[in-house]
Protein backbone atom coordinates (compact mmCIF):
# COMPACT_ATOMS: atom_id res chain seq x y z
CA MET A 1 -3.76 -43.69 8.32
CA THR A 2 -2.11 -40.93 6.30
CA ALA A 3 -2.74 -37.23 6.63
CA THR A 4 -3.35 -35.16 3.55
CA ILE A 5 -3.14 -31.42 3.34
CA THR A 6 -5.63 -29.74 1.08
CA ARG A 7 -5.62 -26.14 0.01
CA PRO A 8 -8.83 -24.18 0.42
CA LYS A 9 -10.61 -23.57 -2.85
CA LEU A 10 -10.87 -19.96 -3.96
CA LYS A 11 -14.29 -18.56 -4.53
CA LYS A 12 -14.96 -17.46 -8.09
CA SER A 13 -15.33 -13.81 -7.04
CA ALA A 14 -11.87 -13.83 -5.43
CA ALA A 15 -10.26 -15.63 -8.35
CA THR A 16 -11.68 -13.28 -10.99
CA LYS A 17 -11.28 -10.07 -8.99
CA ALA A 18 -10.00 -7.20 -11.15
CA GLN A 19 -6.50 -6.11 -10.27
CA SER A 20 -5.83 -2.57 -9.15
CA PRO A 21 -4.26 -0.24 -11.74
CA TYR A 22 -1.94 1.05 -8.99
CA LYS A 23 1.46 -0.63 -8.77
CA ARG A 24 2.43 1.04 -5.48
CA LEU A 25 0.64 1.57 -2.22
CA HIS A 26 -0.88 5.01 -1.92
CA VAL A 27 -2.23 7.21 0.84
CA ILE A 28 -3.97 10.56 1.06
CA ILE A 29 -1.82 13.14 2.83
CA PRO A 30 -3.54 16.17 4.38
CA ILE A 31 -2.52 19.58 2.99
CA GLN A 32 -1.50 20.73 6.48
CA ASP A 33 1.09 17.93 6.61
CA MET A 34 2.42 18.86 3.16
CA LEU A 35 2.77 22.49 4.22
CA TRP A 36 4.52 21.49 7.43
CA ALA A 37 7.03 19.34 5.57
CA SER A 38 7.79 22.08 3.05
CA GLN A 39 8.67 24.49 5.89
CA GLN A 40 11.20 22.15 7.56
CA LYS A 41 14.98 21.89 7.18
CA PRO A 42 16.21 20.50 3.86
CA SER A 43 17.12 17.17 5.49
CA VAL A 44 13.58 16.72 6.85
CA ASN A 45 12.10 17.78 3.53
CA GLN A 46 14.24 15.23 1.68
CA LEU A 47 13.23 12.46 4.08
CA TRP A 48 9.57 13.42 3.60
CA GLN A 49 9.89 13.20 -0.16
CA GLU A 50 11.58 9.80 0.00
CA CYS A 51 8.77 8.40 2.10
C-alpha cells in the first residue's frame, strides 16, 4: 500500500478573491499616540517614524 499526499482544493471564492491595493501592512494610530511621539526626544521620535 502506498500513501499519497493530496493538496486541498481551493474554493472558487478564495481563488478569485481580489487582491488588496495595499502593498504594506497598515494600522490606524490614535491621534493621542501621534501627539505623544512628537513630544518625545529626537531618538524616540525617529524610532517611532521608522516603525
